[in-house]
Amino acid sequence: MLPQRVYVATTVPQPSLTAVLNAIAAAGGGQIGHYTHCAFTNARVGRFRPGPNANPHTGTQGAINAVDKWRVETFCDRAVARAVLSAIRAAHPYEEPVFDILLLNEPDL
């Protein structure tokens, strides 16, 4: 039976992209056979308004901000998913990185 896999996606500002990708790989994410650092990335624009108690890395508190970001999509074995998420949080510059996390069913065909 194949290990259960987890799809993980987040967005990150360009200056932190390489650090986040390397953190994912160091934690065991993005591995296919003899390949590491496997991920899809594409440019996005993130929009947000920091509230009165926020400490924004980028943008102005109380104003609607638009920031260029990169979406990172990768995957990992379920056994290392918590480590991958922790590694992203540690490498990510934002107070609250946002994640898409999907449990993948990979039948043993």
N, C-alpha and C. Protein backbone atom coordinates (compact mmCIF):
# COMPACT_ATOMS: atom_id res chain seq x y z
N MET A 1 0.83 -1.17 0.00
CA MET A 1 0.00 0.00 0.00
C MET A 1 0.88 1.25 0.00
N LEU A 2 0.49 2.24 -0.79
CA LEU A 2 1.23 3.49 -0.86
C LEU A 2 0.97 4.35 0.38
N PRO A 3 1.96 5.18 0.78
CA PRO A 3 1.72 6.06 1.92
C PRO A 3 0.67 7.10 1.57
N GLN A 4 -0.10 7.51 2.57
CA GLN A 4 -1.11 8.54 2.33
C GLN A 4 -0.40 9.88 2.16
N ARG A 5 -0.81 10.63 1.15
CA ARG A 5 -0.16 11.89 0.81
C ARG A 5 -1.05 13.07 1.18
N VAL A 6 -0.42 14.21 1.38
CA VAL A 6 -1.10 15.44 1.72
C VAL A 6 -0.66 16.52 0.73
N TYR A 7 -1.64 17.22 0.15
CA TYR A 7 -1.38 18.37 -0.72
C TYR A 7 -1.33 19.60 0.19
N VAL A 8 -0.29 20.41 0.02
CA VAL A 8 -0.12 21.62 0.83
C VAL A 8 0.14 22.78 -0.11
N ALA A 9 -0.60 23.88 0.09
CA ALA A 9 -0.37 25.09 -0.69
C ALA A 9 -0.39 26.29 0.24
N THR A 10 0.39 27.30 -0.10
CA THR A 10 0.43 28.55 0.64
C THR A 10 0.86 29.65 -0.31
N THR A 11 0.80 30.89 0.13
CA THR A 11 1.35 31.99 -0.65
C THR A 11 2.44 32.65 0.18
N VAL A 12 3.42 33.22 -0.53
CA VAL A 12 4.58 33.79 0.14
C VAL A 12 5.11 34.96 -0.70
N PRO A 13 5.60 36.03 -0.07
CA PRO A 13 6.19 37.11 -0.86
C PRO A 13 7.50 36.64 -1.51
N GLN A 14 7.82 37.20 -2.66
CA GLN A 14 8.98 36.80 -3.45
C GLN A 14 10.28 36.68 -2.63
N PRO A 15 10.61 37.65 -1.77
CA PRO A 15 11.89 37.54 -1.05
C PRO A 15 12.01 36.30 -0.17
N SER A 16 10.89 35.71 0.23
CA SER A 16 10.92 34.53 1.10
C SER A 16 10.64 33.23 0.37
N LEU A 17 10.44 33.28 -0.95
CA LEU A 17 10.06 32.09 -1.71
C LEU A 17 11.10 30.98 -1.58
N THR A 18 12.35 31.26 -1.81
CA THR A 18 13.39 30.22 -1.76
C THR A 18 13.50 29.64 -0.36
N ALA A 19 13.42 30.48 0.66
CA ALA A 19 13.51 29.98 2.05
C ALA A 19 12.37 29.02 2.36
N VAL A 20 11.16 29.35 1.91
CA VAL A 20 10.01 28.48 2.17
C VAL A 20 10.15 27.17 1.41
N LEU A 21 10.55 27.23 0.14
CA LEU A 21 10.75 26.00 -0.64
C LEU A 21 11.81 25.11 -0.01
N ASN A 22 12.91 25.70 0.44
CA ASN A 22 13.96 24.91 1.09
C ASN A 22 13.50 24.33 2.42
N ALA A 23 12.68 25.07 3.16
CA ALA A 23 12.16 24.57 4.44
C ALA A 23 11.24 23.38 4.22
N ILE A 24 10.41 23.46 3.18
CA ILE A 24 9.52 22.34 2.84
C ILE A 24 10.35 21.10 2.54
N ALA A 25 11.37 21.25 1.72
CA ALA A 25 12.22 20.11 1.35
C ALA A 25 12.96 19.55 2.55
N ALA A 26 13.48 20.42 3.41
CA ALA A 26 14.22 19.96 4.59
C ALA A 26 13.33 19.18 5.54
N ALA A 27 12.04 19.48 5.55
CA ALA A 27 11.10 18.78 6.43
C ALA A 27 10.55 17.51 5.80
N GLY A 28 10.94 17.20 4.57
CA GLY A 28 10.50 15.97 3.91
C GLY A 28 9.40 16.15 2.89
N GLY A 29 9.03 17.37 2.58
CA GLY A 29 8.00 17.63 1.58
C GLY A 29 8.57 17.72 0.18
N GLY A 30 7.70 17.60 -0.82
CA GLY A 30 8.09 17.78 -2.21
C GLY A 30 9.03 16.72 -2.75
N GLN A 31 8.90 15.48 -2.32
CA GLN A 31 9.77 14.40 -2.79
C GLN A 31 9.01 13.44 -3.70
N ILE A 32 9.60 13.18 -4.86
CA ILE A 32 9.08 12.17 -5.80
C ILE A 32 10.26 11.30 -6.19
N GLY A 33 10.25 10.07 -5.73
CA GLY A 33 11.35 9.16 -6.08
C GLY A 33 12.70 9.74 -5.71
N HIS A 34 13.56 9.93 -6.72
CA HIS A 34 14.91 10.46 -6.50
C HIS A 34 14.97 11.97 -6.63
N TYR A 35 13.82 12.64 -6.66
CA TYR A 35 13.77 14.10 -6.81
C TYR A 35 13.30 14.74 -5.51
N THR A 36 13.87 15.90 -5.19
CA THR A 36 13.44 16.69 -4.05
C THR A 36 13.08 18.09 -4.53
N HIS A 37 12.55 18.90 -3.65
CA HIS A 37 12.18 20.29 -3.95
C HIS A 37 11.11 20.38 -5.04
N CYS A 38 10.26 19.38 -5.17
CA CYS A 38 9.21 19.39 -6.19
C CYS A 38 8.06 20.27 -5.72
N ALA A 39 7.71 21.25 -6.55
CA ALA A 39 6.62 22.17 -6.21
C ALA A 39 6.20 22.90 -7.48
N PHE A 40 4.99 23.41 -7.46
CA PHE A 40 4.52 24.33 -8.48
C PHE A 40 4.49 25.72 -7.84
N THR A 41 4.90 26.72 -8.59
CA THR A 41 4.82 28.10 -8.11
C THR A 41 4.23 28.96 -9.22
N ASN A 42 3.43 29.94 -8.82
CA ASN A 42 2.94 30.92 -9.78
C ASN A 42 2.64 32.22 -9.06
N ALA A 43 2.71 33.31 -9.82
CA ALA A 43 2.53 34.65 -9.26
C ALA A 43 1.06 34.92 -8.96
N ARG A 44 0.82 35.63 -7.89
CA ARG A 44 -0.53 36.01 -7.45
C ARG A 44 -0.46 37.41 -6.86
N VAL A 45 -1.63 37.99 -6.64
CA VAL A 45 -1.73 39.23 -5.88
C VAL A 45 -2.62 38.96 -4.68
N GLY A 46 -2.09 39.19 -3.49
CA GLY A 46 -2.87 39.02 -2.27
C GLY A 46 -3.44 40.36 -1.83
N ARG A 47 -4.67 40.34 -1.37
CA ARG A 47 -5.34 41.56 -0.90
C ARG A 47 -5.80 41.35 0.54
N PHE A 48 -5.61 42.37 1.36
CA PHE A 48 -5.95 42.25 2.77
C PHE A 48 -6.01 43.63 3.42
N ARG A 49 -6.68 43.69 4.56
CA ARG A 49 -6.70 44.90 5.38
C ARG A 49 -6.37 44.51 6.81
N PRO A 50 -5.20 44.90 7.31
CA PRO A 50 -4.82 44.57 8.68
C PRO A 50 -5.71 45.30 9.69
N GLY A 51 -6.21 44.55 10.67
CA GLY A 51 -7.04 45.12 11.73
C GLY A 51 -6.21 45.90 12.74
N PRO A 52 -6.85 46.48 13.73
CA PRO A 52 -6.16 47.35 14.69
C PRO A 52 -5.12 46.62 15.55
N ASN A 53 -5.26 45.31 15.74
CA ASN A 53 -4.29 44.56 16.55
C ASN A 53 -3.28 43.81 15.71
N ALA A 54 -3.31 43.98 14.40
CA ALA A 54 -2.39 43.27 13.50
C ALA A 54 -1.02 43.95 13.49
N ASN A 55 -0.02 43.17 13.15
CA ASN A 55 1.34 43.67 13.00
C ASN A 55 1.81 43.24 11.60
N PRO A 56 1.34 43.92 10.54
CA PRO A 56 1.60 43.45 9.18
C PRO A 56 3.08 43.52 8.78
N HIS A 57 3.53 42.45 8.15
CA HIS A 57 4.88 42.40 7.58
C HIS A 57 4.99 43.38 6.43
N THR A 58 3.92 43.47 5.64
CA THR A 58 3.85 44.33 4.47
C THR A 58 2.50 45.04 4.49
N GLY A 59 2.46 46.23 3.99
CA GLY A 59 1.19 46.94 3.89
C GLY A 59 0.96 47.87 5.05
N THR A 60 -0.16 48.57 4.99
CA THR A 60 -0.51 49.59 5.97
C THR A 60 -1.70 49.15 6.81
N GLN A 61 -1.56 49.26 8.10
CA GLN A 61 -2.64 48.89 9.01
C GLN A 61 -3.87 49.76 8.74
N GLY A 62 -5.04 49.13 8.67
CA GLY A 62 -6.29 49.84 8.44
C GLY A 62 -6.61 50.12 6.99
N ALA A 63 -5.66 49.92 6.09
CA ALA A 63 -5.88 50.17 4.66
C ALA A 63 -5.99 48.85 3.92
N ILE A 64 -6.69 48.87 2.80
CA ILE A 64 -6.73 47.68 1.93
C ILE A 64 -5.43 47.69 1.12
N ASN A 65 -4.70 46.60 1.21
CA ASN A 65 -3.39 46.47 0.57
C ASN A 65 -3.43 45.41 -0.51
N ALA A 66 -2.60 45.57 -1.53
CA ALA A 66 -2.40 44.56 -2.58
C ALA A 66 -0.91 44.28 -2.65
N VAL A 67 -0.54 43.00 -2.51
CA VAL A 67 0.87 42.62 -2.44
C VAL A 67 1.13 41.48 -3.42
N ASP A 68 2.21 41.60 -4.20
CA ASP A 68 2.63 40.52 -5.09
C ASP A 68 3.14 39.35 -4.25
N LYS A 69 2.64 38.16 -4.56
CA LYS A 69 3.03 36.95 -3.83
C LYS A 69 3.22 35.81 -4.82
N TRP A 70 3.78 34.73 -4.32
CA TRP A 70 3.92 33.48 -5.08
C TRP A 70 3.11 32.41 -4.37
N ARG A 71 2.34 31.67 -5.14
CA ARG A 71 1.64 30.51 -4.60
C ARG A 71 2.57 29.32 -4.72
N VAL A 72 2.72 28.59 -3.65
CA VAL A 72 3.55 27.38 -3.61
C VAL A 72 2.60 26.20 -3.40
N GLU A 73 2.66 25.22 -4.29
CA GLU A 73 1.86 24.00 -4.17
C GLU A 73 2.81 22.82 -4.15
N THR A 74 2.67 21.98 -3.15
CA THR A 74 3.52 20.80 -3.04
C THR A 74 2.73 19.71 -2.30
N PHE A 75 3.41 18.70 -1.87
CA PHE A 75 2.78 17.56 -1.21
C PHE A 75 3.80 16.89 -0.33
N CYS A 76 3.33 16.02 0.52
CA CYS A 76 4.23 15.26 1.38
C CYS A 76 3.50 14.01 1.87
N ASP A 77 4.25 13.07 2.42
CA ASP A 77 3.64 11.93 3.09
C ASP A 77 2.95 12.45 4.36
N ARG A 78 1.85 11.83 4.71
CA ARG A 78 1.11 12.26 5.89
C ARG A 78 1.98 12.22 7.14
N ALA A 79 2.92 11.31 7.19
CA ALA A 79 3.78 11.16 8.36
C ALA A 79 4.63 12.40 8.64
N VAL A 80 4.91 13.20 7.63
CA VAL A 80 5.74 14.40 7.83
C VAL A 80 4.95 15.70 7.65
N ALA A 81 3.63 15.61 7.51
CA ALA A 81 2.81 16.80 7.22
C ALA A 81 2.94 17.86 8.32
N ARG A 82 2.88 17.47 9.57
CA ARG A 82 3.01 18.46 10.65
C ARG A 82 4.38 19.14 10.61
N ALA A 83 5.41 18.38 10.32
CA ALA A 83 6.76 18.96 10.22
C ALA A 83 6.85 19.94 9.05
N VAL A 84 6.22 19.61 7.93
CA VAL A 84 6.23 20.50 6.76
C VAL A 84 5.51 21.80 7.09
N LEU A 85 4.34 21.72 7.72
CA LEU A 85 3.61 22.94 8.10
C LEU A 85 4.39 23.78 9.10
N SER A 86 5.04 23.14 10.05
CA SER A 86 5.87 23.87 11.02
C SER A 86 7.05 24.55 10.33
N ALA A 87 7.65 23.86 9.36
CA ALA A 87 8.78 24.44 8.62
C ALA A 87 8.34 25.65 7.81
N ILE A 88 7.16 25.56 7.19
CA ILE A 88 6.65 26.72 6.44
C ILE A 88 6.43 27.89 7.39
N ARG A 89 5.79 27.64 8.52
CA ARG A 89 5.55 28.72 9.49
C ARG A 89 6.86 29.37 9.94
N ALA A 90 7.88 28.56 10.17
CA ALA A 90 9.17 29.09 10.63
C ALA A 90 9.87 29.93 9.57
N ALA A 91 9.72 29.56 8.30
CA ALA A 91 10.41 30.27 7.21
C ALA A 91 9.59 31.43 6.65
N HIS A 92 8.31 31.44 6.93
CA HIS A 92 7.39 32.43 6.36
C HIS A 92 7.45 33.73 7.16
N PRO A 93 7.45 34.88 6.49
CA PRO A 93 7.57 36.15 7.22
C PRO A 93 6.26 36.64 7.84
N TYR A 94 5.12 36.05 7.49
CA TYR A 94 3.83 36.57 7.96
C TYR A 94 3.44 36.02 9.32
N GLU A 95 2.66 36.80 10.06
CA GLU A 95 2.11 36.37 11.35
C GLU A 95 1.25 35.13 11.19
N GLU A 96 0.42 35.11 10.14
CA GLU A 96 -0.57 34.06 9.93
C GLU A 96 -0.52 33.55 8.48
N PRO A 97 0.44 32.67 8.15
CA PRO A 97 0.41 32.11 6.79
C PRO A 97 -0.89 31.32 6.59
N VAL A 98 -1.43 31.40 5.41
CA VAL A 98 -2.67 30.68 5.07
C VAL A 98 -2.29 29.42 4.29
N PHE A 99 -2.97 28.31 4.61
CA PHE A 99 -2.69 27.03 3.97
C PHE A 99 -3.94 26.46 3.32
N ASP A 100 -3.75 25.75 2.22
CA ASP A 100 -4.72 24.79 1.71
C ASP A 100 -4.11 23.43 2.01
N ILE A 101 -4.86 22.56 2.69
CA ILE A 101 -4.36 21.24 3.04
C ILE A 101 -5.42 20.22 2.63
N LEU A 102 -5.04 19.30 1.78
CA LEU A 102 -5.96 18.27 1.31
C LEU A 102 -5.33 16.90 1.52
N LEU A 103 -6.09 15.99 2.09
CA LEU A 103 -5.64 14.62 2.24
C LEU A 103 -5.93 13.89 0.92
N LEU A 104 -4.91 13.33 0.33
CA LEU A 104 -5.04 12.67 -0.98
C LEU A 104 -5.22 11.16 -0.80
N ASN A 105 -6.14 10.61 -1.52
CA ASN A 105 -6.34 9.16 -1.53
C ASN A 105 -5.61 8.60 -2.74
N GLU A 106 -4.60 7.80 -2.49
CA GLU A 106 -3.82 7.19 -3.56
C GLU A 106 -3.99 5.68 -3.47
N PRO A 107 -4.92 5.12 -4.23
CA PRO A 107 -5.14 3.67 -4.13
C PRO A 107 -3.94 2.90 -4.66
N ASP A 108 -3.74 1.75 -4.10
CA ASP A 108 -2.67 0.86 -4.54
C ASP A 108 -3.18 0.11 -5.77
N LEU A 109 -2.87 0.64 -6.94
CA LEU A 109 -3.36 0.05 -8.18
C LEU A 109 -2.44 -1.03 -8.67
